[in-house]
Amino acid sequence: MDLHNTPFDSVSPCEYADALPREQFMHYAIKPLWEGMPRIAGPAFTVKCEPGDHLMLHAAIYRASPGDIIVVEADDEFAVAGGNVCAIAQSRGIKGFVIDGVIRDLAETRDNKFPVFARGVIPKPGAKKCIAPLNEPITCAGVTVHAGDIIVADEEGIAAIPRDEALAAYDIAQKRAQKDGSMSLEQWQAEHAEKVESILAKLGFAE
């Protein structure tokens, strides 16, 4: 199985927690902007927008490949995208946006069912004055993201999986999901209670 054929979106970010350290999960302020947003997964196309500017995201929607997730470092004072930009990205096969910043025209984006994870919305758009290299390392919601890293995002959170660790992380996450899925709540409770009580005893807890 290779990166292009691995169903990273078949496993929740919660299961990837078994495979990744805390620093690979974005801050919870970056969240789905409309209810019922599906889980998305794909390689990161990274963008840095200078404060108050959105030019490079607008450039990226014409340069990212189908299946990519555009991941953006921005500020939260001006919208970096609106309904038309999201619609163009969607039409080109881009799976979604993960933005450390804000957008506008949320109703249009929701109606089109285009996944956007961001800090929120604001009506005022940014400018188009500042250029920056695309697909360079960025910091998005506290996580360093490189081009090609695998992003897995849903209502539980956003994992950024280093590209060279992605297949191993998927294997660990899938095994965790299969284990949890094969157990009844009663079985899980018995195993959990035994583990908790063993730890309490080792730490000297006395009721």
Protein backbone atom coordinates (compact mmCIF):
# COMPACT_ATOMS: atom_id res chain seq x y z
CA MET A 1 0.00 0.00 0.00
CA ASP A 2 1.36 3.43 -0.92
CA LEU A 3 0.43 6.95 0.13
CA HIS A 4 -1.87 7.52 -2.85
CA ASN A 5 -3.87 4.34 -2.24
CA THR A 6 -4.06 4.43 1.54
CA PRO A 7 -7.53 5.32 2.90
CA PHE A 8 -6.31 7.68 5.60
CA ASP A 9 -9.85 9.04 6.00
CA SER A 10 -11.14 5.61 7.07
CA VAL A 11 -9.70 6.23 10.54
CA SER A 12 -10.56 9.01 12.99
CA PRO A 13 -7.95 11.45 14.28
CA CYS A 14 -8.70 9.88 17.69
CA GLU A 15 -7.07 6.64 16.53
CA TYR A 16 -4.11 8.52 15.08
CA ALA A 17 -3.50 9.74 18.62
CA ASP A 18 -1.99 6.31 19.31
CA ALA A 19 0.58 6.92 16.59
CA LEU A 20 1.44 10.61 16.90
CA PRO A 21 2.68 13.00 19.61
CA ARG A 22 0.55 15.91 20.77
CA GLU A 23 2.46 18.40 18.64
CA GLN A 24 1.04 16.82 15.45
CA PHE A 25 -2.53 17.80 16.37
CA MET A 26 -3.75 21.31 15.62
CA HIS A 27 -5.25 23.59 18.24
CA TYR A 28 -8.97 23.03 18.73
CA ALA A 29 -9.71 26.61 17.64
CA ILE A 30 -9.44 25.26 14.07
CA LYS A 31 -12.78 23.53 13.63
CA PRO A 32 -15.42 22.60 11.03
CA LEU A 33 -17.31 25.69 9.90
CA TRP A 34 -20.57 23.90 9.10
CA GLU A 35 -22.44 21.08 10.79
CA GLY A 36 -22.12 17.59 9.41
CA MET A 37 -18.85 18.22 7.60
CA PRO A 38 -17.32 14.91 6.49
CA ARG A 39 -13.89 13.71 7.45
CA ILE A 40 -11.27 14.60 4.86
CA ALA A 41 -7.75 13.34 4.33
CA GLY A 42 -5.05 14.07 1.79
CA PRO A 43 -1.63 15.57 1.19
CA ALA A 44 -1.03 19.13 2.36
CA PHE A 45 -0.49 21.92 -0.14
CA THR A 46 0.95 24.59 2.13
CA VAL A 47 0.33 28.33 1.87
CA LYS A 48 1.53 31.29 3.92
CA CYS A 49 -0.53 34.47 3.71
CA GLU A 50 1.04 37.61 5.09
CA PRO A 51 -1.02 39.51 7.68
CA GLY A 52 -4.04 41.16 6.08
CA ASP A 53 -3.36 39.50 2.73
CA HIS A 54 -4.79 36.50 0.90
CA LEU A 55 -3.08 36.53 -2.50
CA MET A 56 -1.19 33.27 -2.10
CA LEU A 57 -4.27 31.23 -1.16
CA HIS A 58 -5.97 32.60 -4.26
CA ALA A 59 -2.90 31.53 -6.26
CA ALA A 60 -2.88 28.10 -4.63
CA ILE A 61 -6.35 27.08 -5.78
CA TYR A 62 -5.01 27.03 -9.36
CA ARG A 63 -1.81 25.18 -8.46
CA ALA A 64 -2.85 22.50 -5.99
CA SER A 65 -3.59 19.05 -7.37
CA PRO A 66 -6.88 17.16 -7.15
CA GLY A 67 -7.00 15.36 -3.81
CA ASP A 68 -4.87 17.95 -2.02
CA ILE A 69 -5.91 19.78 1.14
CA ILE A 70 -4.80 23.41 1.14
CA VAL A 71 -3.33 24.26 4.56
CA VAL A 72 -2.93 27.95 5.32
CA GLU A 73 -0.98 30.04 7.80
CA ALA A 74 -2.73 33.41 8.06
CA ASP A 75 -4.10 35.88 10.59
CA ASP A 76 -7.69 36.13 11.80
CA GLU A 77 -8.33 39.80 11.05
CA PHE A 78 -9.33 39.49 7.37
CA ALA A 79 -11.01 36.73 5.39
CA VAL A 80 -8.59 34.82 3.17
CA ALA A 81 -11.28 33.16 1.04
CA GLY A 82 -14.95 33.49 0.13
CA GLY A 83 -17.64 31.54 -1.64
CA ASN A 84 -16.21 31.79 -5.15
CA VAL A 85 -12.69 30.81 -4.11
CA CYS A 86 -14.05 27.79 -2.25
CA ALA A 87 -16.23 26.85 -5.22
CA ILE A 88 -13.29 27.04 -7.65
CA ALA A 89 -11.16 24.91 -5.34
CA GLN A 90 -13.97 22.38 -5.08
CA SER A 91 -14.41 22.27 -8.86
CA ARG A 92 -10.71 21.52 -9.25
CA GLY A 93 -10.90 18.51 -6.95
CA ILE A 94 -9.32 20.06 -3.88
CA LYS A 95 -10.66 18.18 -0.86
CA GLY A 96 -10.89 21.12 1.51
CA PHE A 97 -9.18 23.95 3.34
CA VAL A 98 -7.50 23.94 6.76
CA ILE A 99 -6.93 27.58 7.66
CA ASP A 100 -5.33 29.14 10.69
CA GLY A 101 -7.46 32.19 9.98
CA VAL A 102 -10.97 33.08 8.81
CA ILE A 103 -13.13 33.05 5.68
CA ARG A 104 -16.38 34.68 4.58
CA ASP A 105 -19.50 33.67 2.58
CA LEU A 106 -20.05 30.71 4.87
CA ALA A 107 -23.61 30.12 3.62
CA GLU A 108 -22.35 29.55 0.07
CA THR A 109 -19.63 27.21 1.24
CA ARG A 110 -22.08 25.28 3.40
CA ASP A 111 -24.59 24.98 0.54
CA ASN A 112 -21.81 23.67 -1.73
CA LYS A 113 -20.72 21.24 1.00
CA PHE A 114 -17.07 22.24 0.62
CA PRO A 115 -15.12 21.32 3.77
CA VAL A 116 -13.44 24.25 5.49
CA PHE A 117 -11.75 24.01 8.88
CA ALA A 118 -10.85 27.45 10.25
CA ARG A 119 -11.07 29.78 13.24
CA GLY A 120 -14.32 31.37 12.09
CA VAL A 121 -15.76 33.92 9.71
CA ILE A 122 -15.51 37.66 9.15
CA PRO A 123 -17.04 39.74 6.34
CA LYS A 124 -13.99 41.84 5.45
CA PRO A 125 -11.59 40.29 2.90
CA GLY A 126 -7.85 40.71 2.87
CA ALA A 127 -5.71 42.34 0.19
CA LYS A 128 -3.78 40.89 -2.75
CA LYS A 129 -0.38 42.54 -2.37
CA CYS A 130 2.07 40.05 -0.87
CA ILE A 131 3.76 37.09 -2.50
CA ALA A 132 5.40 34.17 -0.72
CA PRO A 133 6.68 30.77 -1.83
CA LEU A 134 4.12 27.97 -1.99
CA ASN A 135 4.64 24.50 -0.52
CA GLU A 136 7.17 25.72 2.04
CA PRO A 137 6.94 24.65 5.72
CA ILE A 138 4.31 26.64 7.61
CA THR A 139 2.93 26.80 11.13
CA CYS A 140 -0.79 26.10 11.24
CA ALA A 141 -2.52 26.17 14.62
CA GLY A 142 0.71 25.32 16.42
CA VAL A 143 1.79 22.50 14.10
CA THR A 144 4.64 22.62 11.60
CA VAL A 145 3.25 21.35 8.30
CA HIS A 146 5.36 20.43 5.28
CA ALA A 147 4.09 20.02 1.76
CA GLY A 148 2.95 16.44 1.27
CA ASP A 149 2.28 15.73 4.94
CA ILE A 150 -0.98 13.83 5.33
CA ILE A 151 -3.82 15.81 6.88
CA VAL A 152 -6.74 14.01 8.54
CA ALA A 153 -9.49 16.38 9.71
CA ASP A 154 -12.96 15.95 11.15
CA GLU A 155 -15.07 17.14 14.07
CA GLU A 156 -12.67 15.46 16.51
CA GLY A 157 -9.69 17.51 15.40
CA ILE A 158 -6.93 17.73 12.82
CA ALA A 159 -3.89 15.49 12.59
CA ALA A 160 -0.87 16.47 10.51
CA ILE A 161 1.10 13.30 9.82
CA PRO A 162 4.68 13.69 8.58
CA ARG A 163 4.85 12.20 5.11
CA ASP A 164 7.59 9.69 5.92
CA GLU A 165 5.65 8.44 8.97
CA ALA A 166 2.23 8.31 7.35
CA LEU A 167 1.99 4.62 6.45
CA ALA A 168 3.25 3.49 9.85
CA ALA A 169 0.85 5.88 11.60
CA TYR A 170 -2.05 4.60 9.52
CA ASP A 171 -1.20 1.00 10.42
CA ILE A 172 -1.16 1.79 14.15
CA ALA A 173 -4.38 3.82 13.93
CA GLN A 174 -6.18 1.16 11.92
CA LYS A 175 -5.23 -1.57 14.41
CA ARG A 176 -6.54 0.59 17.27
CA ALA A 177 -9.81 1.18 15.43
CA GLN A 178 -10.20 -2.53 14.70
CA LYS A 179 -9.50 -3.45 18.33
CA ASP A 180 -12.04 -0.95 19.68
CA GLY A 181 -14.59 -1.95 17.07
CA SER A 182 -14.33 -5.63 17.97
CA MET A 183 -15.05 -5.11 21.68
CA SER A 184 -18.40 -4.70 23.38
CA LEU A 185 -18.76 -1.95 25.97
CA GLU A 186 -18.78 -4.62 28.67
CA GLN A 187 -15.50 -6.06 27.41
CA TRP A 188 -13.97 -2.62 27.14
CA GLN A 189 -15.12 -1.73 30.65
CA ALA A 190 -13.62 -4.89 32.15
CA GLU A 191 -10.26 -4.21 30.50
CA HIS A 192 -10.40 -0.53 31.41
CA ALA A 193 -11.32 -1.13 35.05
CA GLU A 194 -8.51 -3.64 35.48
CA LYS A 195 -6.01 -1.19 34.00
CA VAL A 196 -7.19 1.73 36.13
CA GLU A 197 -7.16 -0.25 39.34
CA SER A 198 -3.70 -1.64 38.59
CA ILE A 199 -2.31 1.87 38.06
CA LEU A 200 -3.99 3.16 41.21
CA ALA A 201 -2.48 0.34 43.24
CA LYS A 202 1.00 0.94 41.84
CA LEU A 203 0.75 4.61 42.73
CA GLY A 204 -0.34 3.84 46.27
CA PHE A 205 -3.90 5.11 46.04
CA ALA A 206 -5.96 4.13 49.10
CA GLU A 207 -9.68 4.76 49.43
